[in-house]
Amino acid sequence: MKRNLLKPGLALILSVILTLGMAGCSNSANSENKPTSQPTDNTQPPPAETTLNPDEPAWPLDTSPVDLTWFVGANWYAHTWGESLTSKYVTEKTGVNVKLEVPSGEANEHITLMMTSGKLPDLISMGSWETAVKKLWEGDHVYALNELADQYDPYFFQVAGDGTLKWYRQENGNTYGVPNDSYSPNLMHETGMTAANQTFLVRKDLYEEIGSPDLSTPEGFLGALQLLKDKYPEYKGQPISPFFAQGNVPYGMTEYLQNLLAVPHEKDGKVYDRITDPDYITWLKTFRTAYERGLINVDFLVDSDTQVEEKTNNARYFMMIREWTGMTAVNPMLAASANPDSYYIAVDGPKNSKGDSPKLFPGNMDGWMVTMISKSTENPERAIRFLTYLASEEGQRDVFLGKEGETWEMADGKPQLKAEMAGLLETDIEKMEKEYGIMDTYWMMRNPVIINQWRPEKAPVIKQMEDFANKQADIDSGIYKGLDPQGDSEVSVAWSRISQNWEEVLPELITAKDEADFDTIFDSFLDRRQNYGFDKVLEYRQTELDVRKAKMAE
């Protein structure tokens, strides 16, 4: 994403764009999101006793102390509430004290067990792609946000954005979750902020030392790995791992690699089977050849998160299929180390046989995580009002910048981080997040359209990667993200079996003894995939894509 500071006038325009969300939306969000029928369950909150003004937030009506538990579906999220300056400030201001909960293992498994017990946290943030999200909606475990807003805080409709609510609206007319990091194609075209984060990275000094080779063709890729093996098994005192792919099989070696190769998502209006694409198969065979020649090992398929972090922090990877956003803390650290050119830069990686530029996923309407209010909460009115506050420009500023006078101040008519905070952002992000809780510490309701205008200019070692990703983003391809079925339906079970089998098969393909063995393994997978019900998966994807296109056309 572009992080250029936005002028106040443009910020206002962007707020309007977010509210509209998609071209052609002319009805008010309040009327668009009323349920088509009255709920039949008895868990609906009682009517609000106070007459509410739809043009004013309702949270100031009650700032008495209240505790809200908030489940964040990311086992790596390590932040707390109540110790940082920002969290204390927000609690003091709104009366809401947040008790953060994170899963010890997989978020899906954790929240599914909680659903079974019938006791859920007050607020739940889950990845928009997670199967548990649909289960929460369809199992009547969470409130319809539009209904809570109607009763307790109609100002919610002004800050949540009609486009977002419409995008997540279900067949019954209700919307159960609000996303963070949600982008409409119109917004991305207008601002240049694409939210693309997929890149092909190389260690700068080592890459230049071997002559900045072309890595976009199988021949160039294998040649660079051979040179690395022959001359640089160690570099500047460190053993070098040739290759890393983020997310292993299901992400880095599948859809991520396919995006680098610009494999299409559809042809002639029909969903395309990307796994059988000839260019993708060619590159999988290239990785097989690299393994056969001893140019790569299986480390990238088996390394633990701790091992990946250790190798990354010490610049031990030569090249990586990796999101640049995961390097924002590492690159400045490497640039300040004894080897200041050991940081990572984005370069052209694997390309298709035509040499087309990658078509990287941009942001999309789905966003990253969706936040919901569970029916286990004893305070639905405070929960919806708190979400309204967090979604508003005031709440976004409070959570992102902290407290005026302590972490930020007005400069030339706009908020700006104080010099000390800007310094911590570049030198000690951990301290900035723990002690002050600003910037991206509490990202669960983050709205990039609002906060990006307040971001300081990025350091060159970060901006190079970001600019590279923005340049190669396929803005209109966000609609293809997450087409696969979720939940417990027959087609969802079929897709689960197929995807699990693919995770087992791809390592077998890379370690196959020869190309004939590769073909046998791959053909066998295709047969099993068909038996599992792949035709139903394709039909589901097509229906979902058609629905999304219709929503975008509204």
Protein backbone atom coordinates (compact mmCIF):
# COMPACT_ATOMS: atom_id res chain seq x y z
CA MET A 1 0.00 0.00 0.00
CA LYS A 2 1.04 3.52 -0.57
CA ARG A 3 1.65 5.22 2.71
CA ASN A 4 1.87 8.82 1.48
CA LEU A 5 0.26 11.14 3.96
CA LEU A 6 -3.13 12.20 2.74
CA LYS A 7 -4.25 15.77 2.59
CA PRO A 8 -7.28 16.63 4.76
CA GLY A 9 -9.46 17.11 1.69
CA LEU A 10 -8.50 13.73 0.29
CA ALA A 11 -9.07 12.13 3.69
CA LEU A 12 -12.62 13.44 3.61
CA ILE A 13 -13.10 12.09 0.09
CA LEU A 14 -11.80 8.70 1.17
CA SER A 15 -14.18 8.60 4.09
CA VAL A 16 -17.02 9.19 1.67
CA ILE A 17 -15.67 6.50 -0.65
CA LEU A 18 -15.53 4.00 2.20
CA THR A 19 -19.07 4.85 3.22
CA LEU A 20 -20.30 4.28 -0.31
CA GLY A 21 -18.05 1.22 -0.61
CA MET A 22 -19.21 0.32 -4.10
CA ALA A 23 -20.49 2.40 -6.97
CA GLY A 24 -24.23 2.60 -7.27
CA CYS A 25 -25.07 2.29 -3.57
CA SER A 26 -27.58 5.07 -3.03
CA ASN A 27 -29.84 3.79 -0.29
CA SER A 28 -28.95 4.53 3.31
CA ALA A 29 -27.17 1.84 5.29
CA ASN A 30 -29.83 2.00 7.95
CA SER A 31 -32.58 0.99 5.58
CA GLU A 32 -30.37 -1.40 3.57
CA ASN A 33 -29.44 -3.46 6.60
CA LYS A 34 -32.73 -3.89 8.41
CA PRO A 35 -33.68 -7.56 8.72
CA THR A 36 -36.19 -8.90 6.25
CA SER A 37 -38.11 -10.63 9.05
CA GLN A 38 -38.30 -10.42 12.82
CA PRO A 39 -35.93 -12.78 14.67
CA THR A 40 -37.67 -15.71 16.26
CA ASP A 41 -35.15 -16.44 19.01
CA ASN A 42 -35.47 -15.04 22.50
CA THR A 43 -31.89 -13.83 22.75
CA GLN A 44 -32.61 -10.47 21.15
CA PRO A 45 -31.62 -7.54 23.38
CA PRO A 46 -34.46 -5.46 24.83
CA PRO A 47 -35.33 -2.19 23.07
CA ALA A 48 -33.18 0.78 23.94
CA GLU A 49 -34.80 3.13 26.44
CA THR A 50 -33.04 6.27 25.21
CA THR A 51 -33.93 8.09 22.03
CA LEU A 52 -30.81 7.83 19.92
CA ASN A 53 -29.45 10.33 17.41
CA PRO A 54 -28.22 8.55 14.26
CA ASP A 55 -25.83 11.45 13.66
CA GLU A 56 -24.06 11.10 17.00
CA PRO A 57 -22.23 8.16 18.60
CA ALA A 58 -23.99 6.61 21.58
CA TRP A 59 -21.00 5.47 23.61
CA PRO A 60 -20.81 8.75 25.64
CA LEU A 61 -24.28 7.97 27.05
CA ASP A 62 -22.76 5.33 29.34
CA THR A 63 -19.08 5.31 30.29
CA SER A 64 -19.46 3.32 33.48
CA PRO A 65 -16.87 0.55 33.98
CA VAL A 66 -17.58 -2.65 32.07
CA ASP A 67 -15.43 -5.64 31.14
CA LEU A 68 -15.59 -7.10 27.64
CA THR A 69 -13.69 -10.24 26.70
CA TRP A 70 -12.22 -10.13 23.19
CA PHE A 71 -11.07 -13.27 21.41
CA VAL A 72 -8.41 -12.58 18.78
CA GLY A 73 -8.06 -15.57 16.48
CA ALA A 74 -4.29 -15.44 16.07
CA ASN A 75 -2.16 -17.60 18.33
CA TRP A 76 0.84 -15.36 17.66
CA TYR A 77 -0.88 -12.21 18.98
CA ALA A 78 0.99 -11.36 22.17
CA HIS A 79 -0.36 -7.96 23.21
CA THR A 80 -2.29 -7.23 26.38
CA TRP A 81 -4.79 -4.59 27.42
CA GLY A 82 -4.46 -2.38 30.45
CA GLU A 83 -0.70 -1.87 30.56
CA SER A 84 -0.07 0.30 27.50
CA LEU A 85 -0.81 4.02 27.46
CA THR A 86 -3.34 3.67 24.63
CA SER A 87 -5.36 0.88 26.22
CA LYS A 88 -5.51 2.76 29.52
CA TYR A 89 -6.60 5.91 27.71
CA VAL A 90 -9.37 4.15 25.79
CA THR A 91 -10.65 2.44 28.93
CA GLU A 92 -10.61 5.70 30.87
CA LYS A 93 -12.49 7.42 28.05
CA THR A 94 -15.14 4.80 27.26
CA GLY A 95 -15.33 2.80 30.48
CA VAL A 96 -14.64 -0.39 28.54
CA ASN A 97 -11.90 -2.63 29.89
CA VAL A 98 -10.89 -5.29 27.39
CA LYS A 99 -9.73 -8.74 28.41
CA LEU A 100 -7.87 -10.14 25.41
CA GLU A 101 -7.92 -13.87 24.73
CA VAL A 102 -5.90 -15.76 22.10
CA PRO A 103 -5.96 -19.45 21.19
CA SER A 104 -3.10 -21.68 22.22
CA GLY A 105 -3.42 -23.59 18.97
CA GLU A 106 -5.65 -23.30 15.91
CA ALA A 107 -8.27 -20.57 16.20
CA ASN A 108 -10.90 -22.67 14.42
CA GLU A 109 -10.56 -25.54 16.84
CA HIS A 110 -10.56 -23.23 19.84
CA ILE A 111 -13.69 -21.31 18.88
CA THR A 112 -15.49 -24.50 17.82
CA LEU A 113 -14.99 -25.93 21.30
CA MET A 114 -16.33 -22.70 22.77
CA MET A 115 -19.40 -22.94 20.55
CA THR A 116 -19.99 -26.45 21.83
CA SER A 117 -19.79 -25.25 25.42
CA GLY A 118 -22.27 -22.47 24.70
CA LYS A 119 -20.02 -19.84 26.29
CA LEU A 120 -18.24 -17.44 23.98
CA PRO A 121 -16.25 -14.24 24.55
CA ASP A 122 -18.14 -10.96 24.18
CA LEU A 123 -16.20 -9.95 21.05
CA ILE A 124 -14.69 -12.34 18.52
CA SER A 125 -12.20 -11.49 15.76
CA MET A 126 -11.51 -14.30 13.30
CA GLY A 127 -9.84 -14.52 9.91
CA SER A 128 -12.45 -13.87 7.23
CA TRP A 129 -11.46 -17.17 5.58
CA GLU A 130 -11.87 -19.31 8.70
CA THR A 131 -14.56 -21.99 8.63
CA ALA A 132 -15.63 -21.09 12.17
CA VAL A 133 -16.89 -17.69 10.96
CA LYS A 134 -19.74 -19.25 8.99
CA LYS A 135 -20.46 -21.60 11.88
CA LEU A 136 -20.83 -18.65 14.22
CA TRP A 137 -23.26 -16.96 11.85
CA GLU A 138 -25.30 -19.98 10.85
CA GLY A 139 -25.37 -21.42 14.36
CA ASP A 140 -26.98 -18.27 15.80
CA HIS A 141 -23.99 -17.67 18.11
CA VAL A 142 -23.52 -14.00 17.25
CA TYR A 143 -25.76 -10.96 16.96
CA ALA A 144 -26.75 -9.29 13.72
CA LEU A 145 -24.79 -6.06 13.98
CA ASN A 146 -27.39 -4.12 12.03
CA GLU A 147 -30.08 -5.10 14.55
CA LEU A 148 -27.91 -4.12 17.52
CA ALA A 149 -27.13 -0.83 15.82
CA ASP A 150 -30.82 -0.15 15.16
CA GLN A 151 -31.57 -0.55 18.86
CA TYR A 152 -28.48 0.81 20.56
CA ASP A 153 -26.34 2.92 18.22
CA PRO A 154 -27.57 3.83 14.72
CA TYR A 155 -24.39 5.92 14.31
CA PHE A 156 -22.73 2.55 13.60
CA PHE A 157 -24.14 2.68 10.05
CA GLN A 158 -22.25 5.89 9.36
CA VAL A 159 -18.84 4.56 10.40
CA ALA A 160 -19.04 0.89 9.40
CA GLY A 161 -19.57 1.75 5.75
CA ASP A 162 -22.55 0.72 3.67
CA GLY A 163 -20.33 -1.09 1.20
CA THR A 164 -18.80 -3.26 3.92
CA LEU A 165 -22.15 -4.08 5.49
CA LYS A 166 -23.64 -4.89 2.11
CA TRP A 167 -20.67 -7.09 1.19
CA TYR A 168 -21.10 -9.20 4.34
CA ARG A 169 -24.90 -9.15 4.32
CA GLN A 170 -26.39 -12.65 4.40
CA GLU A 171 -29.49 -13.97 2.64
CA ASN A 172 -31.67 -13.07 5.64
CA GLY A 173 -30.66 -9.42 5.27
CA ASN A 174 -28.39 -9.36 8.32
CA THR A 175 -24.70 -8.59 8.71
CA TYR A 176 -22.90 -10.43 11.51
CA GLY A 177 -19.32 -9.21 11.21
CA VAL A 178 -17.38 -6.08 10.37
CA PRO A 179 -13.90 -6.50 8.81
CA ASN A 180 -10.63 -4.72 9.35
CA ASP A 181 -8.34 -3.81 6.46
CA SER A 182 -11.23 -3.89 3.97
CA TYR A 183 -10.62 -2.30 0.57
CA SER A 184 -12.99 -1.77 -2.33
CA PRO A 185 -11.59 -1.78 -5.89
CA ASN A 186 -12.91 1.78 -6.33
CA LEU A 187 -10.89 2.88 -3.31
CA MET A 188 -7.71 1.21 -4.53
CA HIS A 189 -8.01 2.71 -8.01
CA GLU A 190 -8.70 6.14 -6.50
CA THR A 191 -5.88 6.19 -3.96
CA GLY A 192 -3.25 3.75 -5.17
CA MET A 193 -3.40 2.01 -1.78
CA THR A 194 -3.63 -1.62 -2.87
CA ALA A 195 -2.72 -3.43 0.36
CA ALA A 196 -0.71 -5.89 -1.74
CA ASN A 197 1.86 -7.60 0.46
CA GLN A 198 3.05 -10.57 -1.61
CA THR A 199 6.65 -10.24 -2.79
CA PHE A 200 9.61 -12.33 -3.87
CA LEU A 201 12.50 -11.34 -1.61
CA VAL A 202 16.26 -11.88 -1.75
CA ARG A 203 19.06 -11.02 0.64
CA LYS A 204 20.45 -7.85 -0.95
CA ASP A 205 24.21 -8.23 -0.42
CA LEU A 206 24.31 -11.91 -1.36
CA TYR A 207 22.09 -11.38 -4.41
CA GLU A 208 24.32 -8.58 -5.68
CA GLU A 209 27.47 -10.54 -4.83
CA ILE A 210 26.47 -13.28 -7.27
CA GLY A 211 25.66 -10.76 -9.99
CA SER A 212 21.94 -10.07 -9.45
CA PRO A 213 20.90 -13.07 -11.57
CA ASP A 214 17.56 -13.41 -13.37
CA LEU A 215 15.35 -15.55 -11.17
CA SER A 216 12.24 -15.30 -13.34
CA THR A 217 12.94 -18.36 -15.52
CA PRO A 218 13.48 -21.97 -14.44
CA GLU A 219 16.98 -21.87 -15.96
CA GLY A 220 17.95 -18.67 -14.18
CA PHE A 221 16.43 -19.85 -10.91
CA LEU A 222 18.32 -23.15 -10.99
CA GLY A 223 21.52 -21.42 -12.10
CA ALA A 224 21.44 -19.03 -9.15
CA LEU A 225 20.84 -21.89 -6.72
CA GLN A 226 23.76 -23.84 -8.25
CA LEU A 227 26.06 -20.83 -7.84
CA LEU A 228 24.91 -20.48 -4.25
CA LYS A 229 25.67 -24.13 -3.55
CA ASP A 230 29.09 -24.02 -5.21
CA LYS A 231 30.38 -20.75 -3.78
CA TYR A 232 28.24 -19.58 -0.88
CA PRO A 233 27.06 -22.41 1.38
CA GLU A 234 28.14 -19.92 4.03
CA TYR A 235 28.14 -16.16 3.67
CA LYS A 236 29.70 -13.68 6.10
CA GLY A 237 29.92 -16.35 8.75
CA GLN A 238 26.37 -17.64 8.42
CA PRO A 239 25.15 -20.92 6.91
CA ILE A 240 22.69 -20.04 4.14
CA SER A 241 19.32 -21.70 3.54
CA PRO A 242 18.56 -21.38 -0.17
CA PHE A 243 14.78 -20.94 -0.10
CA PHE A 244 11.73 -20.28 2.05
CA ALA A 245 8.02 -20.21 1.21
CA GLN A 246 5.64 -18.56 3.66
CA GLY A 247 2.73 -20.70 4.77
CA ASN A 248 4.29 -23.80 3.27
CA VAL A 249 2.06 -25.78 0.88
CA PRO A 250 -1.42 -24.27 1.28
CA TYR A 251 -0.22 -20.70 0.79
CA GLY A 252 3.35 -20.06 -0.31
CA MET A 253 3.70 -22.98 -2.72
CA THR A 254 0.16 -22.84 -4.05
CA GLU A 255 -1.88 -19.64 -4.44
CA TYR A 256 1.07 -17.33 -3.68
CA LEU A 257 3.31 -19.00 -6.30
CA GLN A 258 0.37 -19.05 -8.72
CA ASN A 259 -0.05 -15.29 -8.27
CA LEU A 260 3.63 -14.75 -9.00
CA LEU A 261 3.09 -16.72 -12.19
CA ALA A 262 -0.01 -14.66 -13.06
CA VAL A 263 -2.09 -17.84 -13.31
CA PRO A 264 -5.63 -16.68 -14.15
CA HIS A 265 -8.54 -17.16 -11.78
CA GLU A 266 -11.11 -17.50 -14.52
CA LYS A 267 -11.29 -17.96 -18.29
CA ASP A 268 -14.28 -16.93 -20.37
CA GLY A 269 -16.28 -16.26 -17.22
CA LYS A 270 -15.63 -19.72 -15.78
CA VAL A 271 -13.55 -20.42 -12.68
CA TYR A 272 -10.15 -21.78 -13.72
CA ASP A 273 -8.47 -24.82 -12.17
CA ARG A 274 -5.19 -23.13 -11.24
CA ILE A 275 -3.44 -26.24 -9.89
CA THR A 276 -3.41 -27.84 -13.35
CA ASP A 277 -2.07 -24.73 -15.09
CA PRO A 278 0.93 -25.69 -17.30
CA ASP A 279 3.16 -22.85 -16.04
CA TYR A 280 2.46 -23.82 -12.43
CA ILE A 281 3.29 -27.46 -13.18
CA THR A 282 6.51 -26.36 -14.90
CA TRP A 283 7.63 -24.50 -11.80
CA LEU A 284 6.72 -27.34 -9.45
CA LYS A 285 8.93 -29.54 -11.63
CA THR A 286 11.64 -26.88 -11.39
CA PHE A 287 11.55 -27.17 -7.60
CA ARG A 288 11.73 -30.96 -8.00
CA THR A 289 14.85 -30.58 -10.13
CA ALA A 290 16.37 -28.22 -7.56
CA TYR A 291 15.76 -30.80 -4.84
CA GLU A 292 17.18 -33.63 -6.97
CA ARG A 293 20.38 -31.61 -7.52
CA GLY A 294 20.71 -30.78 -3.86
CA LEU A 295 20.10 -27.07 -4.48
CA ILE A 296 17.24 -26.85 -1.98
CA ASN A 297 16.36 -29.01 0.98
CA VAL A 298 13.13 -29.78 2.76
CA ASP A 299 13.75 -27.21 5.48
CA PHE A 300 11.18 -24.83 4.04
CA LEU A 301 8.55 -27.56 4.31
CA VAL A 302 9.30 -28.60 7.88
CA ASP A 303 10.86 -25.65 9.74
CA SER A 304 8.97 -24.53 12.83
CA ASP A 305 7.92 -20.91 13.34
CA THR A 306 10.80 -20.52 15.78
CA GLN A 307 13.33 -21.82 13.25
CA VAL A 308 11.93 -19.54 10.53
CA GLU A 309 12.17 -16.55 12.84
CA GLU A 310 15.74 -17.37 13.83
CA LYS A 311 16.86 -17.74 10.23
CA THR A 312 15.05 -14.59 9.15
CA ASN A 313 16.46 -12.47 11.96
CA ASN A 314 19.95 -13.57 11.01
CA ALA A 315 19.41 -13.18 7.24
CA ARG A 316 20.12 -16.84 6.64
CA TYR A 317 17.63 -17.24 3.80
CA PHE A 318 18.83 -16.42 0.28
CA MET A 319 15.40 -15.99 -1.30
CA MET A 320 11.87 -16.10 -0.01
CA ILE A 321 8.30 -16.20 -1.23
CA ARG A 322 7.17 -13.99 1.60
CA GLU A 323 4.85 -11.11 2.45
CA TRP A 324 6.83 -7.90 2.89
CA THR A 325 4.69 -6.90 5.86
CA GLY A 326 6.35 -9.67 7.86
CA MET A 327 9.71 -7.98 7.34
CA THR A 328 8.93 -4.51 8.67
CA ALA A 329 10.66 -5.16 11.98
CA VAL A 330 13.45 -7.37 10.60
CA ASN A 331 14.73 -5.24 7.72
CA PRO A 332 15.55 -2.13 9.80
CA MET A 333 17.28 -4.38 12.33
CA LEU A 334 19.38 -6.01 9.62
CA ALA A 335 20.17 -2.63 8.07
CA ALA A 336 21.51 -1.48 11.44
CA SER A 337 23.58 -4.63 11.99
CA ALA A 338 27.27 -5.29 11.38
CA ASN A 339 26.27 -6.27 7.83
CA PRO A 340 24.12 -3.28 6.85
CA ASP A 341 23.34 -4.61 3.36
CA SER A 342 22.04 -7.95 4.64
CA TYR A 343 18.41 -6.81 4.56
CA TYR A 344 15.91 -8.10 2.00
CA ILE A 345 14.74 -6.48 -1.21
CA ALA A 346 11.88 -7.36 -3.56
CA VAL A 347 12.90 -8.54 -7.03
CA ASP A 348 11.30 -10.35 -9.93
CA GLY A 349 10.92 -13.99 -8.98
CA PRO A 350 9.35 -16.88 -10.90
CA LYS A 351 7.32 -15.80 -13.93
CA ASN A 352 5.19 -17.66 -16.43
CA SER A 353 6.45 -18.76 -19.85
CA LYS A 354 5.29 -15.48 -21.41
CA GLY A 355 7.25 -13.41 -18.89
CA ASP A 356 4.09 -11.69 -17.64
CA SER A 357 4.30 -9.56 -14.52
CA PRO A 358 2.85 -11.15 -11.37
CA LYS A 359 -0.78 -10.57 -10.51
CA LEU A 360 -0.58 -10.20 -6.75
CA PHE A 361 -3.59 -10.24 -4.49
CA PRO A 362 -4.55 -6.73 -3.37
CA GLY A 363 -6.77 -5.89 -0.45
CA ASN A 364 -10.41 -6.78 -0.87
CA MET A 365 -13.83 -6.24 0.60
CA ASP A 366 -13.39 -9.33 2.79
CA GLY A 367 -10.63 -7.59 4.68
CA TRP A 368 -8.41 -9.59 7.00
CA MET A 369 -10.35 -10.41 10.17
CA VAL A 370 -14.02 -9.96 10.92
CA THR A 371 -15.19 -8.89 14.36
CA MET A 372 -18.45 -10.15 15.83
CA ILE A 373 -20.49 -9.76 19.02
CA SER A 374 -21.47 -13.06 20.60
CA LYS A 375 -24.85 -13.79 22.12
CA SER A 376 -23.04 -14.87 25.28
CA THR A 377 -22.36 -11.25 26.14
CA GLU A 378 -24.25 -9.67 28.98
CA ASN A 379 -23.62 -6.22 27.54
CA PRO A 380 -24.67 -6.16 23.88
CA GLU A 381 -25.40 -2.44 24.01
CA ARG A 382 -21.92 -1.58 25.31
CA ALA A 383 -20.36 -3.99 22.82
CA ILE A 384 -21.97 -2.43 19.73
CA ARG A 385 -21.27 1.07 21.00
CA PHE A 386 -17.63 0.15 21.59
CA LEU A 387 -17.31 -1.19 18.06
CA THR A 388 -18.93 1.99 16.75
CA TYR A 389 -16.42 4.07 18.68
CA LEU A 390 -13.49 1.99 17.38
CA ALA A 391 -14.75 2.25 13.79
CA SER A 392 -15.17 6.02 13.97
CA GLU A 393 -12.42 8.45 13.07
CA GLU A 394 -12.14 9.43 16.73
CA GLY A 395 -11.67 5.83 17.81
CA GLN A 396 -9.26 5.09 14.99
CA ARG A 397 -7.15 8.07 16.03
CA ASP A 398 -7.21 7.12 19.70
CA VAL A 399 -6.16 3.52 19.08
CA PHE A 400 -3.66 4.24 16.32
CA LEU A 401 -2.00 7.39 17.62
CA GLY A 402 -2.69 7.22 21.33
CA LYS A 403 -3.26 10.23 23.56
CA GLU A 404 -2.78 13.74 22.25
CA GLY A 405 0.11 15.52 23.90
CA GLU A 406 1.79 12.29 24.97
CA THR A 407 2.28 10.30 21.79
CA TRP A 408 1.08 12.74 19.11
CA GLU A 409 0.44 16.41 18.50
CA MET A 410 -1.12 18.61 15.86
CA ALA A 411 1.27 19.84 13.15
CA ASP A 412 0.11 21.90 10.18
CA GLY A 413 -3.47 21.10 11.02
CA LYS A 414 -3.15 17.33 11.19
CA PRO A 415 -2.17 14.72 13.79
CA GLN A 416 1.46 13.66 13.77
CA LEU A 417 3.46 11.27 15.91
CA LYS A 418 5.87 12.95 18.30
CA ALA A 419 9.52 12.59 17.38
CA GLU A 420 10.17 10.13 20.20
CA MET A 421 7.41 7.82 18.99
CA ALA A 422 8.58 8.03 15.37
CA GLY A 423 12.04 7.08 16.59
CA LEU A 424 10.72 4.04 18.43
CA LEU A 425 8.85 2.98 15.31
CA GLU A 426 12.18 2.67 13.52
CA THR A 427 14.34 1.36 16.35
CA ASP A 428 12.23 -0.45 18.96
CA ILE A 429 8.77 -1.48 17.80
CA GLU A 430 8.44 -3.91 20.71
CA LYS A 431 8.82 -1.12 23.26
CA MET A 432 6.48 1.14 21.30
CA GLU A 433 3.77 -1.51 21.28
CA LYS A 434 4.20 -2.69 24.87
CA GLU A 435 4.52 0.67 26.60
CA TYR A 436 2.45 2.89 24.34
CA GLY A 437 0.22 0.51 22.37
CA ILE A 438 0.09 2.79 19.32
CA MET A 439 0.22 2.25 15.57
CA ASP A 440 -0.72 -1.37 14.73
CA THR A 441 -0.79 -2.82 18.23
CA TYR A 442 -4.58 -3.15 18.37
CA TRP A 443 -5.45 -3.79 14.74
CA MET A 444 -8.73 -5.67 15.17
CA MET A 445 -10.87 -2.78 13.86
CA ARG A 446 -8.19 -1.07 11.76
CA ASN A 447 -9.49 1.04 8.87
CA PRO A 448 -6.61 1.82 6.49
CA VAL A 449 -8.54 4.58 4.73
CA ILE A 450 -8.50 6.57 7.95
CA ILE A 451 -5.22 5.65 9.60
CA ASN A 452 -2.92 5.66 6.58
CA GLN A 453 -3.07 9.44 6.48
CA TRP A 454 -1.33 9.47 9.87
CA ARG A 455 1.43 6.99 9.12
CA PRO A 456 4.98 8.36 9.03
CA GLU A 457 6.91 7.86 5.81
CA LYS A 458 8.41 4.38 5.79
CA ALA A 459 12.13 3.72 5.94
CA PRO A 460 13.65 3.01 2.50
CA VAL A 461 14.36 -0.63 3.42
CA ILE A 462 10.62 -1.13 3.90
CA LYS A 463 9.28 1.19 1.24
CA GLN A 464 11.19 -0.60 -1.54
CA MET A 465 9.29 -3.82 -0.83
CA GLU A 466 5.94 -2.06 -0.48
CA ASP A 467 6.34 -0.11 -3.72
CA PHE A 468 7.32 -3.29 -5.57
CA ALA A 469 4.17 -5.06 -4.35
CA ASN A 470 1.94 -2.10 -5.18
CA LYS A 471 3.32 -1.99 -8.70
CA GLN A 472 2.46 -5.64 -9.29
CA ALA A 473 -0.92 -5.68 -7.56
CA ASP A 474 -3.89 -6.87 -9.59
CA ILE A 475 -6.44 -4.49 -8.08
CA ASP A 476 -9.51 -6.22 -9.44
CA SER A 477 -8.46 -9.71 -8.35
CA GLY A 478 -9.52 -9.29 -4.74
CA ILE A 479 -12.89 -10.71 -5.72
CA TYR A 480 -11.26 -14.13 -6.17
CA LYS A 481 -9.89 -14.32 -2.65
CA GLY A 482 -11.60 -16.96 -0.52
CA LEU A 483 -13.89 -18.60 -3.10
CA ASP A 484 -13.54 -22.01 -1.48
CA PRO A 485 -16.46 -23.47 0.55
CA GLN A 486 -16.42 -23.22 4.34
CA GLY A 487 -18.41 -24.81 7.14
CA ASP A 488 -19.82 -28.32 7.50
CA SER A 489 -21.66 -28.73 4.20
CA GLU A 490 -20.99 -31.66 1.88
CA VAL A 491 -19.04 -29.50 -0.54
CA SER A 492 -17.02 -28.01 2.34
CA VAL A 493 -16.06 -31.48 3.55
CA ALA A 494 -15.07 -32.38 -0.01
CA TRP A 495 -12.83 -29.33 -0.27
CA SER A 496 -11.31 -30.02 3.13
CA ARG A 497 -10.32 -33.53 2.04
CA ILE A 498 -8.89 -32.22 -1.23
CA SER A 499 -6.85 -29.45 0.36
CA GLN A 500 -5.54 -31.71 3.11
CA ASN A 501 -4.48 -34.27 0.53
CA TRP A 502 -2.74 -31.56 -1.51
CA GLU A 503 -0.69 -30.59 1.55
CA GLU A 504 0.54 -34.19 1.68
CA VAL A 505 1.06 -34.55 -2.07
CA LEU A 506 3.06 -31.42 -2.88
CA PRO A 507 6.09 -32.42 -0.76
CA GLU A 508 5.96 -35.79 -2.52
CA LEU A 509 6.05 -33.99 -5.88
CA ILE A 510 9.08 -31.90 -4.93
CA THR A 511 10.96 -34.93 -3.60
CA ALA A 512 9.92 -37.24 -6.47
CA LYS A 513 12.86 -39.28 -7.82
CA ASP A 514 12.30 -38.19 -11.42
CA GLU A 515 9.81 -36.43 -13.66
CA ALA A 516 7.92 -39.63 -14.48
CA ASP A 517 7.41 -40.25 -10.77
CA PHE A 518 6.20 -36.64 -10.44
CA ASP A 519 3.60 -37.22 -13.18
CA THR A 520 2.38 -40.42 -11.56
CA ILE A 521 1.97 -38.77 -8.16
CA PHE A 522 0.19 -35.77 -9.66
CA ASP A 523 -2.19 -37.84 -11.81
CA SER A 524 -3.05 -39.96 -8.80
CA PHE A 525 -3.90 -36.83 -6.83
CA LEU A 526 -6.19 -35.60 -9.61
CA ASP A 527 -8.04 -38.93 -9.56
CA ARG A 528 -8.53 -38.78 -5.79
CA ARG A 529 -9.58 -35.15 -6.04
CA GLN A 530 -12.29 -36.11 -8.50
CA ASN A 531 -13.52 -38.90 -6.23
CA TYR A 532 -13.65 -36.51 -3.27
CA GLY A 533 -16.10 -34.28 -5.16
CA PHE A 534 -14.05 -31.65 -6.98
CA ASP A 535 -16.84 -30.98 -9.48
CA LYS A 536 -19.03 -29.80 -6.61
CA VAL A 537 -16.22 -27.52 -5.41
CA LEU A 538 -15.92 -25.97 -8.86
CA GLU A 539 -19.67 -25.45 -8.97
CA TYR A 540 -19.58 -23.79 -5.55
CA ARG A 541 -16.71 -21.49 -6.59
CA GLN A 542 -18.57 -20.48 -9.72
CA THR A 543 -21.76 -19.67 -7.81
CA GLU A 544 -19.82 -17.69 -5.22
CA LEU A 545 -17.96 -15.75 -7.89
CA ASP A 546 -21.22 -14.90 -9.68
CA VAL A 547 -22.72 -13.66 -6.39
CA ARG A 548 -19.70 -11.49 -5.72
CA LYS A 549 -19.81 -9.99 -9.18
CA ALA A 550 -23.48 -9.15 -8.65
CA LYS A 551 -22.69 -7.44 -5.33
CA MET A 552 -19.93 -5.41 -6.90
CA ALA A 553 -22.32 -4.31 -9.64
CA GLU A 554 -24.94 -2.98 -7.17
